[in-house]
């Protein structure tokens, strides 16, 4: 699907105002296309479209180019002062949209990431995390979560995935032994995909930057911009500021260095899977003996 103009509300936020001014001025200049403006600015059309739609913060240096292109005597530089301070609007929906088109997805999670969860495991997590939700709400969330996994398994691959899983996620019996055995089997299968890399951060590695329980996700967009997303159990926050993103890339690199190699990680995952399958056999044997 190509780029589509989103309705803007300049009064909603500084980013919307900034984007609406870009749209207003390019249309006032002979209904200039977004692609033509991107050429004039020597800037990515995809990135410019997200800025015009109020979805991304303008980067440093763009305002000067816009002022020169539209002869606006520093107006965009003044708008930028406010736009750069605004938190990411509609952060979770924006994150999902970015994730659905990203060409690179790197994540660390304390539990099994949603993109790798089995339906039974996801159901157990949702029920535990939202104990007062209605069955209908749980079903809607579950359907959405499962649908997001389609992109991980599509051929040819559209995205490169790198998952760092805490060993804690492999050992905690979410949903019971049968659910965990199935879940770990799915992770082992994902290890074989050529566009997926999975590492385990072992318990023995000790303290690390995300020990407080946050998930850290780095998304690389089609125009090679990087967006960072941090998510806790009840909230999330997006970062597109260059320094903020670079800081989190550094943290992720440290997590990667503390993790086991993909080969050793697969061995640990298989060991955990064998532990749960052995537990299942242990509970099944007495029943079988009684029937003899």
Protein backbone atom coordinates (compact mmCIF):
# COMPACT_ATOMS: atom_id res chain seq x y z
CA UNK A 1 0.00 0.00 0.00
CA UNK A 2 1.36 3.43 -0.98
CA UNK A 3 1.56 6.51 1.14
CA UNK A 4 -1.78 8.03 2.14
CA UNK A 5 -2.41 11.49 3.54
CA UNK A 6 -3.73 11.36 7.07
CA UNK A 7 -6.14 14.00 8.25
CA UNK A 8 -4.25 16.48 10.38
CA UNK A 9 -5.43 18.58 13.29
CA UNK A 10 -2.93 21.43 13.75
CA UNK A 11 -4.37 22.24 17.16
CA UNK A 12 -3.77 18.69 18.42
CA UNK A 13 -0.01 18.83 18.91
CA UNK A 14 3.19 20.58 17.76
CA UNK A 15 3.97 17.64 15.48
CA UNK A 16 0.59 17.89 13.78
CA UNK A 17 1.05 21.63 13.36
CA UNK A 18 4.53 21.15 11.89
CA UNK A 19 3.26 18.51 9.46
CA UNK A 20 0.21 20.56 8.49
CA UNK A 21 2.45 23.51 7.60
CA UNK A 22 4.52 21.29 5.31
CA UNK A 23 1.35 20.08 3.59
CA UNK A 24 -0.18 23.56 3.36
CA UNK A 25 2.90 25.12 1.82
CA UNK A 26 3.67 22.38 -0.67
CA UNK A 27 0.07 22.50 -1.91
CA UNK A 28 0.22 26.27 -2.09
CA UNK A 29 3.27 25.87 -4.31
CA UNK A 30 1.54 24.43 -7.34
CA UNK A 31 0.20 21.39 -5.47
CA UNK A 32 3.75 20.04 -5.23
CA UNK A 33 3.95 16.29 -4.70
CA UNK A 34 5.58 14.87 -1.60
CA UNK A 35 8.10 13.09 -3.81
CA UNK A 36 9.11 16.35 -5.50
CA UNK A 37 9.53 18.08 -2.14
CA UNK A 38 11.66 15.18 -0.90
CA UNK A 39 13.91 15.64 -3.95
CA UNK A 40 14.28 19.37 -3.29
CA UNK A 41 15.12 18.73 0.35
CA UNK A 42 17.42 15.77 -0.48
CA UNK A 43 15.45 13.84 2.15
CA UNK A 44 13.77 10.43 2.35
CA UNK A 45 10.21 10.51 1.00
CA UNK A 46 9.11 7.82 3.48
CA UNK A 47 10.51 9.72 6.45
CA UNK A 48 9.07 13.00 5.17
CA UNK A 49 5.63 11.39 4.82
CA UNK A 50 5.67 10.32 8.48
CA UNK A 51 6.68 13.83 9.54
CA UNK A 52 3.94 15.43 7.43
CA UNK A 53 1.39 12.99 8.88
CA UNK A 54 2.46 13.93 12.42
CA UNK A 55 3.81 10.44 13.13
CA UNK A 56 7.52 11.22 13.52
CA UNK A 57 9.52 14.03 15.09
CA UNK A 58 11.39 16.23 12.59
CA UNK A 59 15.14 15.56 12.74
CA UNK A 60 17.72 18.26 13.24
CA UNK A 61 18.54 20.11 10.03
CA UNK A 62 15.24 19.51 8.24
CA UNK A 63 13.68 22.79 9.40
CA UNK A 64 16.45 24.84 7.80
CA UNK A 65 15.91 23.01 4.51
CA UNK A 66 12.16 23.61 4.66
CA UNK A 67 12.65 27.30 5.38
CA UNK A 68 14.96 27.55 2.36
CA UNK A 69 12.59 25.58 0.09
CA UNK A 70 9.50 27.59 1.04
CA UNK A 71 11.26 30.91 1.80
CA UNK A 72 9.59 31.00 5.22
CA UNK A 73 12.22 33.09 7.02
CA UNK A 74 12.92 30.71 9.91
CA UNK A 75 9.33 29.66 10.65
CA UNK A 76 10.03 25.93 10.61
CA UNK A 77 13.05 26.42 12.85
CA UNK A 78 10.74 28.08 15.39
CA UNK A 79 8.13 25.33 15.06
CA UNK A 80 10.86 22.74 15.61
CA UNK A 81 11.63 24.10 19.09
CA UNK A 82 8.20 22.86 20.23
CA UNK A 83 7.93 19.76 18.01
CA UNK A 84 11.19 18.25 19.26
CA UNK A 85 10.00 18.36 22.88
CA UNK A 86 6.70 16.57 22.27
CA UNK A 87 6.43 12.93 23.39
CA UNK A 88 5.46 10.42 20.70
CA UNK A 89 1.69 10.76 20.12
CA UNK A 90 -0.52 7.63 20.08
CA UNK A 91 2.58 5.65 20.95
CA UNK A 92 1.29 2.08 20.89
CA UNK A 93 -0.67 2.37 17.65
CA UNK A 94 2.30 4.18 16.11
CA UNK A 95 4.62 1.40 17.29
CA UNK A 96 2.39 -1.28 15.75
CA UNK A 97 2.29 0.60 12.45
CA UNK A 98 6.07 0.99 12.40
CA UNK A 99 6.58 -2.67 13.33
CA UNK A 100 4.30 -3.80 10.50
CA UNK A 101 6.57 -2.21 7.87
CA UNK A 102 10.00 -2.38 9.54
CA UNK A 103 12.89 -4.08 7.74
CA UNK A 104 14.75 -4.73 11.00
CA UNK A 105 13.36 -5.76 14.38
CA UNK A 106 15.64 -6.30 17.39
CA UNK A 107 14.21 -6.99 20.82
CA UNK A 108 14.99 -8.04 24.35
CA UNK A 109 12.11 -9.34 26.46
CA UNK A 110 11.89 -10.79 29.94
CA UNK A 111 9.19 -13.15 28.70
CA UNK A 112 8.61 -14.82 25.33
CA UNK A 113 8.03 -11.99 22.81
CA UNK A 114 4.54 -11.75 21.38
CA UNK A 115 5.82 -12.45 17.85
CA UNK A 116 6.99 -15.91 18.96
CA UNK A 117 4.19 -16.88 21.35
CA UNK A 118 1.99 -19.92 20.81
CA UNK A 119 -1.73 -19.30 21.07
CA UNK A 120 -1.96 -21.23 24.35
CA UNK A 121 0.99 -19.36 25.87
CA UNK A 122 -0.38 -15.98 24.70
CA UNK A 123 -3.78 -16.82 26.20
CA UNK A 124 -2.18 -17.71 29.55
CA UNK A 125 -0.16 -14.47 29.55
CA UNK A 126 -3.20 -12.33 28.69
CA UNK A 127 -5.36 -13.96 31.34
CA UNK A 128 -2.65 -13.46 33.97
CA UNK A 129 -1.87 -9.89 32.92
CA UNK A 130 -5.50 -8.76 32.68
CA UNK A 131 -7.37 -10.90 35.25
CA UNK A 132 -10.47 -8.66 35.18
CA UNK A 133 -10.87 -8.61 31.39
CA UNK A 134 -13.94 -10.16 29.79
CA UNK A 135 -13.63 -13.29 27.63
CA UNK A 136 -14.48 -11.15 24.60
CA UNK A 137 -11.65 -8.72 25.33
CA UNK A 138 -9.17 -11.56 25.79
CA UNK A 139 -10.29 -13.11 22.51
CA UNK A 140 -9.87 -9.81 20.62
CA UNK A 141 -6.36 -9.26 22.03
CA UNK A 142 -5.41 -12.84 21.27
CA UNK A 143 -6.61 -12.60 17.66
CA UNK A 144 -4.64 -9.38 17.17
CA UNK A 145 -1.48 -10.85 18.68
CA UNK A 146 -1.62 -13.98 16.53
CA UNK A 147 -2.26 -11.94 13.37
CA UNK A 148 0.91 -9.90 13.97
CA UNK A 149 3.00 -13.08 13.70
CA UNK A 150 2.19 -13.56 10.02
CA UNK A 151 5.01 -11.26 8.98
CA UNK A 152 7.62 -13.27 10.89
CA UNK A 153 6.89 -16.38 8.84
CA UNK A 154 6.12 -14.89 5.43
CA UNK A 155 8.17 -15.82 2.37
CA UNK A 156 10.19 -14.14 1.09
CA UNK A 157 11.09 -12.48 4.40
CA UNK A 158 10.31 -8.76 4.65
CA UNK A 159 12.14 -8.15 7.92
CA UNK A 160 15.27 -9.30 9.75
CA UNK A 161 14.46 -10.36 13.33
CA UNK A 162 16.85 -10.60 16.26
CA UNK A 163 15.38 -11.78 19.56
CA UNK A 164 17.20 -11.84 22.90
CA UNK A 165 15.23 -13.91 25.42
CA UNK A 166 15.91 -13.93 29.11
CA UNK A 167 16.53 -17.51 30.31
CA UNK A 168 13.85 -16.82 32.91
CA UNK A 169 11.32 -16.90 30.04
CA UNK A 170 12.31 -20.47 29.20
CA UNK A 171 12.05 -21.83 32.74
CA UNK A 172 8.91 -20.23 34.19
CA UNK A 173 5.98 -22.65 33.68
CA UNK A 174 3.44 -20.27 32.14
CA UNK A 175 0.27 -22.26 31.51
CA UNK A 176 1.81 -25.52 32.70
CA UNK A 177 4.21 -28.07 31.26
CA UNK A 178 2.19 -28.85 28.11
CA UNK A 179 1.89 -25.19 27.14
CA UNK A 180 5.60 -24.62 27.76
CA UNK A 181 6.65 -27.70 25.79
CA UNK A 182 4.64 -26.47 22.80
CA UNK A 183 5.95 -22.92 23.22
CA UNK A 184 9.60 -23.95 23.35
CA UNK A 185 9.08 -26.22 20.35
CA UNK A 186 7.89 -23.19 18.36
CA UNK A 187 10.93 -21.18 19.45
CA UNK A 188 13.24 -24.01 18.36
CA UNK A 189 11.52 -24.01 14.96
CA UNK A 190 11.99 -20.23 14.69
CA UNK A 191 15.73 -20.72 15.34
CA UNK A 192 15.91 -22.46 11.96
CA UNK A 193 14.53 -19.52 9.96
CA UNK A 194 17.26 -17.80 7.96
CA UNK A 195 16.02 -14.29 8.78
CA UNK A 196 15.62 -14.93 12.53
CA UNK A 197 18.38 -14.92 15.14
CA UNK A 198 17.61 -15.95 18.72
CA UNK A 199 19.94 -15.54 21.68
CA UNK A 200 19.40 -16.39 25.33
CA UNK A 201 20.56 -14.05 28.08
CA UNK A 202 21.56 -16.61 30.74
CA UNK A 203 20.67 -16.28 34.40
CA UNK A 204 24.37 -16.53 35.17
CA UNK A 205 25.10 -13.28 33.35
CA UNK A 206 24.01 -11.36 36.46
CA UNK A 207 22.79 -7.76 36.42
CA UNK A 208 22.04 -5.97 33.15
CA UNK A 209 20.42 -2.75 31.91
CA UNK A 210 16.86 -4.15 31.58
CA UNK A 211 16.79 -5.96 34.91
CA UNK A 212 13.96 -3.69 36.01
CA UNK A 213 11.55 -5.59 33.77
CA UNK A 214 11.33 -3.46 30.63
CA UNK A 215 11.34 -4.77 27.09
CA UNK A 216 13.62 -3.00 24.62
CA UNK A 217 12.81 -2.99 20.91
CA UNK A 218 14.70 -1.35 18.04
CA UNK A 219 12.90 -0.97 14.71
CA UNK A 220 14.67 -0.11 11.46
CA UNK A 221 12.32 1.52 8.97
CA UNK A 222 12.39 1.10 5.20
CA UNK A 223 14.39 4.32 4.89
CA UNK A 224 16.89 3.03 7.49
CA UNK A 225 15.82 5.28 10.35
CA UNK A 226 15.87 3.57 13.76
CA UNK A 227 13.06 3.93 16.33
CA UNK A 228 13.39 2.63 19.89
CA UNK A 229 10.49 1.36 21.97
CA UNK A 230 10.52 0.54 25.67
CA UNK A 231 7.58 -1.34 27.13
CA UNK A 232 6.66 -2.22 30.69
CA UNK A 233 3.72 -4.29 31.86
CA UNK A 234 1.30 -1.34 31.67
CA UNK A 235 2.93 1.31 29.49
CA UNK A 236 5.28 1.91 26.58
CA UNK A 237 7.32 4.75 25.17
CA UNK A 238 8.71 5.44 21.71
CA UNK A 239 11.95 7.30 21.03
CA UNK A 240 13.06 8.79 17.72
CA UNK A 241 15.52 11.40 18.98
CA UNK A 242 18.98 10.54 17.64
CA UNK A 243 20.70 10.60 21.02
CA UNK A 244 17.92 8.66 22.77
CA UNK A 245 17.99 5.96 20.09
CA UNK A 246 21.80 5.75 20.06
CA UNK A 247 21.78 5.28 23.85
CA UNK A 248 19.37 2.36 23.58
CA UNK A 249 21.28 0.84 20.68
CA UNK A 250 24.31 0.82 22.96
CA UNK A 251 22.31 -0.90 25.70
CA UNK A 252 21.10 -3.51 23.24
CA UNK A 253 24.64 -4.15 22.04
CA UNK A 254 25.66 -4.81 25.66
CA UNK A 255 22.75 -7.26 26.08
CA UNK A 256 23.83 -9.01 22.88
CA UNK A 257 27.40 -9.29 24.19
CA UNK A 258 26.16 -10.76 27.51
CA UNK A 259 24.02 -13.36 25.72
CA UNK A 260 24.93 -16.83 24.56
CA UNK A 261 25.76 -17.51 20.91
CA UNK A 262 22.80 -18.59 18.75
CA UNK A 263 24.12 -22.17 18.77
CA UNK A 264 24.57 -22.29 22.55
CA UNK A 265 21.21 -20.55 22.97
CA UNK A 266 19.49 -23.28 20.97
CA UNK A 267 21.07 -25.86 23.28
CA UNK A 268 19.65 -24.07 26.35
CA UNK A 269 16.20 -23.78 24.74
CA UNK A 270 16.25 -27.48 23.88
CA UNK A 271 17.29 -28.35 27.43
CA UNK A 272 14.35 -26.36 28.81
CA UNK A 273 12.01 -28.06 26.30
CA UNK A 274 13.28 -31.49 27.39
CA UNK A 275 12.65 -30.57 31.02
CA UNK A 276 8.98 -29.81 30.35
CA UNK A 277 8.48 -32.84 28.10
CA UNK A 278 10.05 -35.05 30.78
CA UNK A 279 7.63 -33.56 33.30
CA UNK A 280 4.74 -34.47 31.01
CA UNK A 281 5.97 -38.04 30.68
CA UNK A 282 6.32 -38.25 34.44
CA UNK A 283 2.66 -37.36 34.97
CA UNK A 284 1.48 -39.62 32.13
CA UNK A 285 3.31 -42.81 33.21
CA UNK A 286 1.32 -43.51 36.44
CA UNK A 287 -1.96 -43.18 34.52
CA UNK A 288 -0.73 -45.60 31.87
CA UNK A 289 0.37 -48.12 34.52
CA UNK A 290 -3.03 -48.00 36.25
CA UNK A 291 -4.75 -48.84 32.95
CA UNK A 292 -2.62 -51.98 32.38
